[in-house]
Amino acid sequence: MQNELIIVSEYCDKCHIEPSFIEMLQEIGLIDIRTEGGERCLQFAQLPDVERYSRMYYDLSINIEGIDAIHHLLERMENMQQEIYSLHSRLRLFEDVSR
């Protein structure tokens, strides 16, 4: 199901989102839109991201540049959490070896 495609225009109609908003997300590289059978589509797996971005844009009035900045900050935070987890694991291993 993750590889299934959603037609952008139908998704926008159903969720009351402007197609231009979806285009902006694609332009800054936050989502990938492809053309299948003459229709612009996005993967089902991208829907949680699109919904998060649309809430930021429509409900919180965050502009597209702000959404992009938040996206990059969240990615950076996730990377830092992974590094901390890795360091913590190595520290535990070191502590176990030194006993």
PDB file of N, CA and C in Angstrom:
ATOM      1  N   MET A   1       0.817  -1.193   0.000  1.00  0.00           N
ATOM      2  CA  MET A   1       0.000   0.000   0.000  1.00  0.00           C
ATOM      3  C   MET A   1       0.864   1.262   0.000  1.00  0.00           C
ATOM      4  N   GLN A   2       2.079   1.186   0.552  1.00  0.00           N
ATOM      5  CA  GLN A   2       2.962   2.338   0.628  1.00  0.00           C
ATOM      6  C   GLN A   2       3.376   2.831  -0.754  1.00  0.00           C
ATOM      7  N   ASN A   3       3.362   1.972  -1.766  1.00  0.00           N
ATOM      8  CA  ASN A   3       3.753   2.365  -3.113  1.00  0.00           C
ATOM      9  C   ASN A   3       2.574   2.846  -3.948  1.00  0.00           C
ATOM     10  N   GLU A   4       1.374   2.815  -3.370  1.00  0.00           N
ATOM     11  CA  GLU A   4       0.201   3.264  -4.116  1.00  0.00           C
ATOM     12  C   GLU A   4       0.282   4.761  -4.343  1.00  0.00           C
ATOM     13  N   LEU A   5      -0.302   5.186  -5.458  1.00  0.00           N
ATOM     14  CA  LEU A   5      -0.265   6.598  -5.816  1.00  0.00           C
ATOM     15  C   LEU A   5      -1.625   7.245  -5.601  1.00  0.00           C
ATOM     16  N   ILE A   6      -1.593   8.501  -5.198  1.00  0.00           N
ATOM     17  CA  ILE A   6      -2.790   9.299  -4.990  1.00  0.00           C
ATOM     18  C   ILE A   6      -2.763  10.421  -6.031  1.00  0.00           C
ATOM     19  N   ILE A   7      -3.855  10.644  -6.720  1.00  0.00           N
ATOM     20  CA  ILE A   7      -3.928  11.727  -7.698  1.00  0.00           C
ATOM     21  C   ILE A   7      -4.018  13.050  -6.933  1.00  0.00           C
ATOM     22  N   VAL A   8      -3.096  13.946  -7.234  1.00  0.00           N
ATOM     23  CA  VAL A   8      -2.973  15.203  -6.489  1.00  0.00           C
ATOM     24  C   VAL A   8      -4.268  16.010  -6.545  1.00  0.00           C
ATOM     25  N   SER A   9      -4.862  16.166  -7.708  1.00  0.00           N
ATOM     26  CA  SER A   9      -6.070  16.998  -7.826  1.00  0.00           C
ATOM     27  C   SER A   9      -7.224  16.428  -6.997  1.00  0.00           C
ATOM     28  N   GLU A  10      -7.373  15.108  -6.984  1.00  0.00           N
ATOM     29  CA  GLU A  10      -8.440  14.491  -6.189  1.00  0.00           C
ATOM     30  C   GLU A  10      -8.165  14.656  -4.697  1.00  0.00           C
ATOM     31  N   TYR A  11      -6.910  14.481  -4.300  1.00  0.00           N
ATOM     32  CA  TYR A  11      -6.542  14.658  -2.902  1.00  0.00           C
ATOM     33  C   TYR A  11      -6.810  16.097  -2.455  1.00  0.00           C
ATOM     34  N   CYS A  12      -6.436  17.053  -3.299  1.00  0.00           N
ATOM     35  CA  CYS A  12      -6.639  18.461  -2.969  1.00  0.00           C
ATOM     36  C   CYS A  12      -8.121  18.787  -2.832  1.00  0.00           C
ATOM     37  N   ASP A  13      -8.934  18.265  -3.747  1.00  0.00           N
ATOM     38  CA  ASP A  13     -10.377  18.494  -3.670  1.00  0.00           C
ATOM     39  C   ASP A  13     -10.957  17.918  -2.383  1.00  0.00           C
ATOM     40  N   LYS A  14     -10.570  16.701  -2.066  1.00  0.00           N
ATOM     41  CA  LYS A  14     -11.113  16.024  -0.888  1.00  0.00           C
ATOM     42  C   LYS A  14     -10.685  16.695   0.412  1.00  0.00           C
ATOM     43  N   CYS A  15      -9.452  17.187   0.455  1.00  0.00           N
ATOM     44  CA  CYS A  15      -8.905  17.759   1.697  1.00  0.00           C
ATOM     45  C   CYS A  15      -8.948  19.282   1.728  1.00  0.00           C
ATOM     46  N   HIS A  16      -9.519  19.893   0.701  1.00  0.00           N
ATOM     47  CA  HIS A  16      -9.630  21.354   0.622  1.00  0.00           C
ATOM     48  C   HIS A  16      -8.261  22.029   0.712  1.00  0.00           C
ATOM     49  N   ILE A  17      -7.343  21.532  -0.095  1.00  0.00           N
ATOM     50  CA  ILE A  17      -5.989  22.075  -0.180  1.00  0.00           C
ATOM     51  C   ILE A  17      -5.801  22.633  -1.584  1.00  0.00           C
ATOM     52  N   GLU A  18      -5.172  23.767  -1.676  1.00  0.00           N
ATOM     53  CA  GLU A  18      -4.879  24.352  -2.982  1.00  0.00           C
ATOM     54  C   GLU A  18      -3.792  23.532  -3.681  1.00  0.00           C
ATOM     55  N   PRO A  19      -3.987  23.171  -4.942  1.00  0.00           N
ATOM     56  CA  PRO A  19      -2.938  22.456  -5.681  1.00  0.00           C
ATOM     57  C   PRO A  19      -1.619  23.220  -5.708  1.00  0.00           C
ATOM     58  N   SER A  20      -1.690  24.545  -5.676  1.00  0.00           N
ATOM     59  CA  SER A  20      -0.461  25.342  -5.671  1.00  0.00           C
ATOM     60  C   SER A  20       0.364  25.087  -4.411  1.00  0.00           C
ATOM     61  N   PHE A  21      -0.293  24.763  -3.297  1.00  0.00           N
ATOM     62  CA  PHE A  21       0.435  24.435  -2.072  1.00  0.00           C
ATOM     63  C   PHE A  21       1.242  23.156  -2.274  1.00  0.00           C
ATOM     64  N   ILE A  22       0.634  22.162  -2.898  1.00  0.00           N
ATOM     65  CA  ILE A  22       1.331  20.906  -3.185  1.00  0.00           C
ATOM     66  C   ILE A  22       2.520  21.177  -4.107  1.00  0.00           C
ATOM     67  N   GLU A  23       2.323  22.036  -5.085  1.00  0.00           N
ATOM     68  CA  GLU A  23       3.411  22.392  -6.012  1.00  0.00           C
ATOM     69  C   GLU A  23       4.566  23.063  -5.260  1.00  0.00           C
ATOM     70  N   MET A  24       4.224  23.944  -4.305  1.00  0.00           N
ATOM     71  CA  MET A  24       5.273  24.601  -3.518  1.00  0.00           C
ATOM     72  C   MET A  24       6.078  23.585  -2.722  1.00  0.00           C
ATOM     73  N   LEU A  25       5.388  22.598  -2.150  1.00  0.00           N
ATOM     74  CA  LEU A  25       6.090  21.555  -1.394  1.00  0.00           C
ATOM     75  C   LEU A  25       7.050  20.796  -2.304  1.00  0.00           C
ATOM     76  N   GLN A  26       6.615  20.546  -3.533  1.00  0.00           N
ATOM     77  CA  GLN A  26       7.487  19.849  -4.477  1.00  0.00           C
ATOM     78  C   GLN A  26       8.678  20.727  -4.860  1.00  0.00           C
ATOM     79  N   GLU A  27       8.428  21.998  -5.097  1.00  0.00           N
ATOM     80  CA  GLU A  27       9.495  22.904  -5.529  1.00  0.00           C
ATOM     81  C   GLU A  27      10.629  22.995  -4.512  1.00  0.00           C
ATOM     82  N   ILE A  28      10.298  22.949  -3.224  1.00  0.00           N
ATOM     83  CA  ILE A  28      11.368  23.040  -2.218  1.00  0.00           C
ATOM     84  C   ILE A  28      11.881  21.665  -1.808  1.00  0.00           C
ATOM     85  N   GLY A  29      11.353  20.617  -2.439  1.00  0.00           N
ATOM     86  CA  GLY A  29      11.884  19.271  -2.241  1.00  0.00           C
ATOM     87  C   GLY A  29      11.338  18.506  -1.052  1.00  0.00           C
ATOM     88  N   LEU A  30      10.208  18.943  -0.503  1.00  0.00           N
ATOM     89  CA  LEU A  30       9.643  18.235   0.642  1.00  0.00           C
ATOM     90  C   LEU A  30       8.812  17.024   0.243  1.00  0.00           C
ATOM     91  N   ILE A  31       8.283  17.030  -0.976  1.00  0.00           N
ATOM     92  CA  ILE A  31       7.555  15.870  -1.485  1.00  0.00           C
ATOM     93  C   ILE A  31       7.964  15.648  -2.938  1.00  0.00           C
ATOM     94  N   ASP A  32       7.641  14.461  -3.427  1.00  0.00           N
ATOM     95  CA  ASP A  32       7.951  14.101  -4.805  1.00  0.00           C
ATOM     96  C   ASP A  32       6.646  13.827  -5.537  1.00  0.00           C
ATOM     97  N   ILE A  33       6.395  14.578  -6.581  1.00  0.00           N
ATOM     98  CA  ILE A  33       5.209  14.364  -7.406  1.00  0.00           C
ATOM     99  C   ILE A  33       5.671  13.771  -8.729  1.00  0.00           C
ATOM    100  N   ARG A  34       4.977  12.725  -9.168  1.00  0.00           N
ATOM    101  CA  ARG A  34       5.301  12.129 -10.461  1.00  0.00           C
ATOM    102  C   ARG A  34       4.051  12.093 -11.324  1.00  0.00           C
ATOM    103  N   THR A  35       4.262  11.946 -12.598  1.00  0.00           N
ATOM    104  CA  THR A  35       3.145  11.879 -13.534  1.00  0.00           C
ATOM    105  C   THR A  35       2.940  10.431 -13.954  1.00  0.00           C
ATOM    106  N   GLU A  36       1.729   9.947 -13.750  1.00  0.00           N
ATOM    107  CA  GLU A  36       1.345   8.583 -14.122  1.00  0.00           C
ATOM    108  C   GLU A  36       0.048   8.676 -14.920  1.00  0.00           C
ATOM    109  N   GLY A  37       0.080   8.201 -16.159  1.00  0.00           N
ATOM    110  CA  GLY A  37      -1.132   8.215 -16.991  1.00  0.00           C
ATOM    111  C   GLY A  37      -1.691   9.610 -17.204  1.00  0.00           C
ATOM    112  N   GLY A  38      -0.827  10.591 -17.281  1.00  0.00           N
ATOM    113  CA  GLY A  38      -1.265  11.963 -17.488  1.00  0.00           C
ATOM    114  C   GLY A  38      -1.735  12.676 -16.234  1.00  0.00           C
ATOM    115  N   GLU A  39      -1.701  11.993 -15.107  1.00  0.00           N
ATOM    116  CA  GLU A  39      -2.143  12.587 -13.833  1.00  0.00           C
ATOM    117  C   GLU A  39      -0.938  12.827 -12.923  1.00  0.00           C
ATOM    118  N   ARG A  40      -0.959  13.951 -12.229  1.00  0.00           N
ATOM    119  CA  ARG A  40       0.086  14.221 -11.247  1.00  0.00           C
ATOM    120  C   ARG A  40      -0.271  13.479  -9.970  1.00  0.00           C
ATOM    121  N   CYS A  41       0.684  12.677  -9.468  1.00  0.00           N
ATOM    122  CA  CYS A  41       0.415  11.797  -8.329  1.00  0.00           C
ATOM    123  C   CYS A  41       1.515  11.915  -7.283  1.00  0.00           C
ATOM    124  N   LEU A  42       1.148  11.568  -6.062  1.00  0.00           N
ATOM    125  CA  LEU A  42       2.143  11.432  -5.005  1.00  0.00           C
ATOM    126  C   LEU A  42       1.932  10.097  -4.323  1.00  0.00           C
ATOM    127  N   GLN A  43       2.976   9.591  -3.711  1.00  0.00           N
ATOM    128  CA  GLN A  43       2.894   8.279  -3.071  1.00  0.00           C
ATOM    129  C   GLN A  43       2.104   8.365  -1.771  1.00  0.00           C
ATOM    130  N   PHE A  44       1.375   7.309  -1.500  1.00  0.00           N
ATOM    131  CA  PHE A  44       0.578   7.215  -0.281  1.00  0.00           C
ATOM    132  C   PHE A  44       1.442   7.454   0.951  1.00  0.00           C
ATOM    133  N   ALA A  45       2.675   6.984   0.922  1.00  0.00           N
ATOM    134  CA  ALA A  45       3.580   7.122   2.068  1.00  0.00           C
ATOM    135  C   ALA A  45       3.886   8.582   2.392  1.00  0.00           C
ATOM    136  N   GLN A  46       3.687   9.489   1.436  1.00  0.00           N
ATOM    137  CA  GLN A  46       3.956  10.907   1.667  1.00  0.00           C
ATOM    138  C   GLN A  46       2.794  11.643   2.332  1.00  0.00           C
ATOM    139  N   LEU A  47       1.633  11.007   2.398  1.00  0.00           N
ATOM    140  CA  LEU A  47       0.442  11.689   2.920  1.00  0.00           C
ATOM    141  C   LEU A  47       0.612  12.213   4.352  1.00  0.00           C
ATOM    142  N   PRO A  48       1.225  11.463   5.275  1.00  0.00           N
ATOM    143  CA  PRO A  48       1.397  12.039   6.625  1.00  0.00           C
ATOM    144  C   PRO A  48       2.213  13.334   6.605  1.00  0.00           C
ATOM    145  N   ASP A  49       3.228  13.395   5.759  1.00  0.00           N
ATOM    146  CA  ASP A  49       4.021  14.617   5.651  1.00  0.00           C
ATOM    147  C   ASP A  49       3.188  15.754   5.058  1.00  0.00           C
ATOM    148  N   VAL A  50       2.454  15.465   4.002  1.00  0.00           N
ATOM    149  CA  VAL A  50       1.620  16.491   3.362  1.00  0.00           C
ATOM    150  C   VAL A  50       0.591  17.007   4.361  1.00  0.00           C
ATOM    151  N   GLU A  51      -0.002  16.114   5.143  1.00  0.00           N
ATOM    152  CA  GLU A  51      -0.988  16.539   6.134  1.00  0.00           C
ATOM    153  C   GLU A  51      -0.348  17.407   7.211  1.00  0.00           C
ATOM    154  N   ARG A  52       0.850  17.046   7.652  1.00  0.00           N
ATOM    155  CA  ARG A  52       1.563  17.839   8.657  1.00  0.00           C
ATOM    156  C   ARG A  52       1.879  19.224   8.104  1.00  0.00           C
ATOM    157  N   TYR A  53       2.395  19.265   6.856  1.00  0.00           N
ATOM    158  CA  TYR A  53       2.726  20.543   6.245  1.00  0.00           C
ATOM    159  C   TYR A  53       1.481  21.400   6.022  1.00  0.00           C
ATOM    160  N   SER A  54       0.376  20.775   5.624  1.00  0.00           N
ATOM    161  CA  SER A  54      -0.846  21.550   5.386  1.00  0.00           C
ATOM    162  C   SER A  54      -1.401  22.112   6.692  1.00  0.00           C
ATOM    163  N   ARG A  55      -1.275  21.377   7.791  1.00  0.00           N
ATOM    164  CA  ARG A  55      -1.700  21.915   9.092  1.00  0.00           C
ATOM    165  C   ARG A  55      -0.853  23.135   9.460  1.00  0.00           C
ATOM    166  N   MET A  56       0.448  23.043   9.227  1.00  0.00           N
ATOM    167  CA  MET A  56       1.326  24.174   9.517  1.00  0.00           C
ATOM    168  C   MET A  56       0.924  25.384   8.679  1.00  0.00           C
ATOM    169  N   TYR A  57       0.669  25.143   7.407  1.00  0.00           N
ATOM    170  CA  TYR A  57       0.398  26.225   6.458  1.00  0.00           C
ATOM    171  C   TYR A  57      -0.987  26.832   6.671  1.00  0.00           C
ATOM    172  N   TYR A  58      -2.010  25.990   6.728  1.00  0.00           N
ATOM    173  CA  TYR A  58      -3.376  26.489   6.797  1.00  0.00           C
ATOM    174  C   TYR A  58      -3.834  26.800   8.217  1.00  0.00           C
ATOM    175  N   ASP A  59      -3.499  25.955   9.170  1.00  0.00           N
ATOM    176  CA  ASP A  59      -3.991  26.153  10.535  1.00  0.00           C
ATOM    177  C   ASP A  59      -3.098  27.082  11.358  1.00  0.00           C
ATOM    178  N   LEU A  60      -1.790  26.998  11.146  1.00  0.00           N
ATOM    179  CA  LEU A  60      -0.860  27.786  11.947  1.00  0.00           C
ATOM    180  C   LEU A  60      -0.294  28.999  11.202  1.00  0.00           C
ATOM    181  N   SER A  61      -0.663  29.135   9.932  1.00  0.00           N
ATOM    182  CA  SER A  61      -0.217  30.263   9.093  1.00  0.00           C
ATOM    183  C   SER A  61       1.305  30.379   8.995  1.00  0.00           C
ATOM    184  N   ILE A  62       1.969  29.228   8.917  1.00  0.00           N
ATOM    185  CA  ILE A  62       3.415  29.211   8.726  1.00  0.00           C
ATOM    186  C   ILE A  62       3.667  29.196   7.220  1.00  0.00           C
ATOM    187  N   ASN A  63       4.510  30.116   6.748  1.00  0.00           N
ATOM    188  CA  ASN A  63       4.760  30.175   5.308  1.00  0.00           C
ATOM    189  C   ASN A  63       5.644  29.006   4.866  1.00  0.00           C
ATOM    190  N   ILE A  64       5.789  28.858   3.567  1.00  0.00           N
ATOM    191  CA  ILE A  64       6.484  27.695   3.006  1.00  0.00           C
ATOM    192  C   ILE A  64       7.949  27.661   3.438  1.00  0.00           C
ATOM    193  N   GLU A  65       8.575  28.836   3.569  1.00  0.00           N
ATOM    194  CA  GLU A  65       9.961  28.881   4.031  1.00  0.00           C
ATOM    195  C   GLU A  65      10.064  28.402   5.475  1.00  0.00           C
ATOM    196  N   GLY A  66       9.089  28.757   6.291  1.00  0.00           N
ATOM    197  CA  GLY A  66       9.057  28.299   7.678  1.00  0.00           C
ATOM    198  C   GLY A  66       8.863  26.799   7.768  1.00  0.00           C
ATOM    199  N   ILE A  67       7.995  26.257   6.911  1.00  0.00           N
ATOM    200  CA  ILE A  67       7.778  24.812   6.873  1.00  0.00           C
ATOM    201  C   ILE A  67       9.068  24.099   6.501  1.00  0.00           C
ATOM    202  N   ASP A  68       9.772  24.638   5.520  1.00  0.00           N
ATOM    203  CA  ASP A  68      11.045  24.055   5.099  1.00  0.00           C
ATOM    204  C   ASP A  68      12.049  24.085   6.248  1.00  0.00           C
ATOM    205  N   ALA A  69      12.130  25.211   6.947  1.00  0.00           N
ATOM    206  CA  ALA A  69      13.058  25.325   8.077  1.00  0.00           C
ATOM    207  C   ALA A  69      12.692  24.331   9.182  1.00  0.00           C
ATOM    208  N   ILE A  70      11.423  24.204   9.495  1.00  0.00           N
ATOM    209  CA  ILE A  70      10.977  23.254  10.524  1.00  0.00           C
ATOM    210  C   ILE A  70      11.322  21.833  10.103  1.00  0.00           C
ATOM    211  N   HIS A  71      11.090  21.510   8.835  1.00  0.00           N
ATOM    212  CA  HIS A  71      11.416  20.176   8.322  1.00  0.00           C
ATOM    213  C   HIS A  71      12.894  19.862   8.541  1.00  0.00           C
ATOM    214  N   HIS A  72      13.765  20.803   8.186  1.00  0.00           N
ATOM    215  CA  HIS A  72      15.203  20.565   8.325  1.00  0.00           C
ATOM    216  C   HIS A  72      15.628  20.493   9.790  1.00  0.00           C
ATOM    217  N   LEU A  73      15.006  21.290  10.641  1.00  0.00           N
ATOM    218  CA  LEU A  73      15.308  21.216  12.073  1.00  0.00           C
ATOM    219  C   LEU A  73      14.884  19.868  12.656  1.00  0.00           C
ATOM    220  N   LEU A  74      13.725  19.367  12.250  1.00  0.00           N
ATOM    221  CA  LEU A  74      13.262  18.062  12.730  1.00  0.00           C
ATOM    222  C   LEU A  74      14.180  16.942  12.254  1.00  0.00           C
ATOM    223  N   GLU A  75      14.627  17.028  10.991  1.00  0.00           N
ATOM    224  CA  GLU A  75      15.581  16.028  10.488  1.00  0.00           C
ATOM    225  C   GLU A  75      16.868  16.058  11.301  1.00  0.00           C
ATOM    226  N   ARG A  76      17.348  17.260  11.563  1.00  0.00           N
ATOM    227  CA  ARG A  76      18.588  17.399  12.328  1.00  0.00           C
ATOM    228  C   ARG A  76      18.419  16.851  13.747  1.00  0.00           C
ATOM    229  N   MET A  77      17.271  17.129  14.347  1.00  0.00           N
ATOM    230  CA  MET A  77      16.999  16.634  15.692  1.00  0.00           C
ATOM    231  C   MET A  77      16.955  15.100  15.706  1.00  0.00           C
ATOM    232  N   GLU A  78      16.338  14.494  14.698  1.00  0.00           N
ATOM    233  CA  GLU A  78      16.294  13.036  14.608  1.00  0.00           C
ATOM    234  C   GLU A  78      17.698  12.460  14.474  1.00  0.00           C
ATOM    235  N   ASN A  79      18.534  13.090  13.647  1.00  0.00           N
ATOM    236  CA  ASN A  79      19.917  12.630  13.492  1.00  0.00           C
ATOM    237  C   ASN A  79      20.678  12.731  14.808  1.00  0.00           C
ATOM    238  N   MET A  80      20.468  13.806  15.528  1.00  0.00           N
ATOM    239  CA  MET A  80      21.143  13.978  16.815  1.00  0.00           C
ATOM    240  C   MET A  80      20.665  12.930  17.825  1.00  0.00           C
ATOM    241  N   GLN A  81      19.377  12.605  17.809  1.00  0.00           N
ATOM    242  CA  GLN A  81      18.851  11.577  18.702  1.00  0.00           C
ATOM    243  C   GLN A  81      19.475  10.225  18.378  1.00  0.00           C
ATOM    244  N   GLN A  82      19.649   9.924  17.093  1.00  0.00           N
ATOM    245  CA  GLN A  82      20.291   8.673  16.701  1.00  0.00           C
ATOM    246  C   GLN A  82      21.741   8.642  17.166  1.00  0.00           C
ATOM    247  N   GLU A  83      22.439   9.761  17.051  1.00  0.00           N
ATOM    248  CA  GLU A  83      23.821   9.830  17.512  1.00  0.00           C
ATOM    249  C   GLU A  83      23.906   9.625  19.020  1.00  0.00           C
ATOM    250  N   ILE A  84      22.999  10.238  19.766  1.00  0.00           N
ATOM    251  CA  ILE A  84      22.985  10.084  21.214  1.00  0.00           C
ATOM    252  C   ILE A  84      22.722   8.627  21.580  1.00  0.00           C
ATOM    253  N   TYR A  85      21.773   7.993  20.896  1.00  0.00           N
ATOM    254  CA  TYR A  85      21.476   6.592  21.161  1.00  0.00           C
ATOM    255  C   TYR A  85      22.705   5.728  20.885  1.00  0.00           C
ATOM    256  N   SER A  86      23.392   6.001  19.781  1.00  0.00           N
ATOM    257  CA  SER A  86      24.589   5.244  19.434  1.00  0.00           C
ATOM    258  C   SER A  86      25.682   5.445  20.477  1.00  0.00           C
ATOM    259  N   LEU A  87      25.896   6.671  20.885  1.00  0.00           N
ATOM    260  CA  LEU A  87      26.905   6.956  21.916  1.00  0.00           C
ATOM    261  C   LEU A  87      26.545   6.292  23.240  1.00  0.00           C
ATOM    262  N   HIS A  88      25.279   6.332  23.579  1.00  0.00           N
ATOM    263  CA  HIS A  88      24.821   5.697  24.819  1.00  0.00           C
ATOM    264  C   HIS A  88      25.060   4.187  24.773  1.00  0.00           C
ATOM    265  N   SER A  89      24.773   3.585  23.631  1.00  0.00           N
ATOM    266  CA  SER A  89      24.996   2.140  23.477  1.00  0.00           C
ATOM    267  C   SER A  89      26.472   1.795  23.602  1.00  0.00           C
ATOM    268  N   ARG A  90      27.332   2.596  22.962  1.00  0.00           N
ATOM    269  CA  ARG A  90      28.770   2.342  23.050  1.00  0.00           C
ATOM    270  C   ARG A  90      29.286   2.558  24.468  1.00  0.00           C
ATOM    271  N   LEU A  91      28.741   3.543  25.160  1.00  0.00           N
ATOM    272  CA  LEU A  91      29.146   3.797  26.534  1.00  0.00           C
ATOM    273  C   LEU A  91      28.773   2.618  27.428  1.00  0.00           C
ATOM    274  N   ARG A  92      27.561   2.084  27.242  1.00  0.00           N
ATOM    275  CA  ARG A  92      27.156   0.907  28.021  1.00  0.00           C
ATOM    276  C   ARG A  92      28.065  -0.270  27.733  1.00  0.00           C
ATOM    277  N   LEU A  93      28.420  -0.467  26.468  1.00  0.00           N
ATOM    278  CA  LEU A  93      29.318  -1.549  26.090  1.00  0.00           C
ATOM    279  C   LEU A  93      30.678  -1.353  26.753  1.00  0.00           C
ATOM    280  N   PHE A  94      31.188  -0.142  26.728  1.00  0.00           N
ATOM    281  CA  PHE A  94      32.467   0.169  27.360  1.00  0.00           C
ATOM    282  C   PHE A  94      32.414  -0.080  28.854  1.00  0.00           C
ATOM    283  N   GLU A  95      31.312   0.325  29.504  1.00  0.00           N
ATOM    284  CA  GLU A  95      31.159   0.120  30.939  1.00  0.00           C
ATOM    285  C   GLU A  95      31.121  -1.369  31.269  1.00  0.00           C
ATOM    286  N   ASP A  96      30.436  -2.164  30.435  1.00  0.00           N
ATOM    287  CA  ASP A  96      30.351  -3.604  30.662  1.00  0.00           C
ATOM    288  C   ASP A  96      31.722  -4.263  30.500  1.00  0.00           C
ATOM    289  N   VAL A  97      32.522  -3.800  29.549  1.00  0.00           N
ATOM    290  CA  VAL A  97      33.836  -4.375  29.302  1.00  0.00           C
ATOM    291  C   VAL A  97      34.806  -4.009  30.426  1.00  0.00           C
ATOM    292  N   SER A  98      34.690  -2.792  30.954  1.00  0.00           N
ATOM    293  CA  SER A  98      35.631  -2.339  31.961  1.00  0.00           C
ATOM    294  C   SER A  98      35.333  -2.906  33.354  1.00  0.00           C
ATOM    295  N   ARG A  99      34.271  -3.616  33.549  1.00  0.00           N
ATOM    296  CA  ARG A  99      33.950  -4.191  34.874  1.00  0.00           C
ATOM    297  C   ARG A  99      34.684  -5.444  35.129  1.00  0.00           C
TER     298      ARG A  99
END
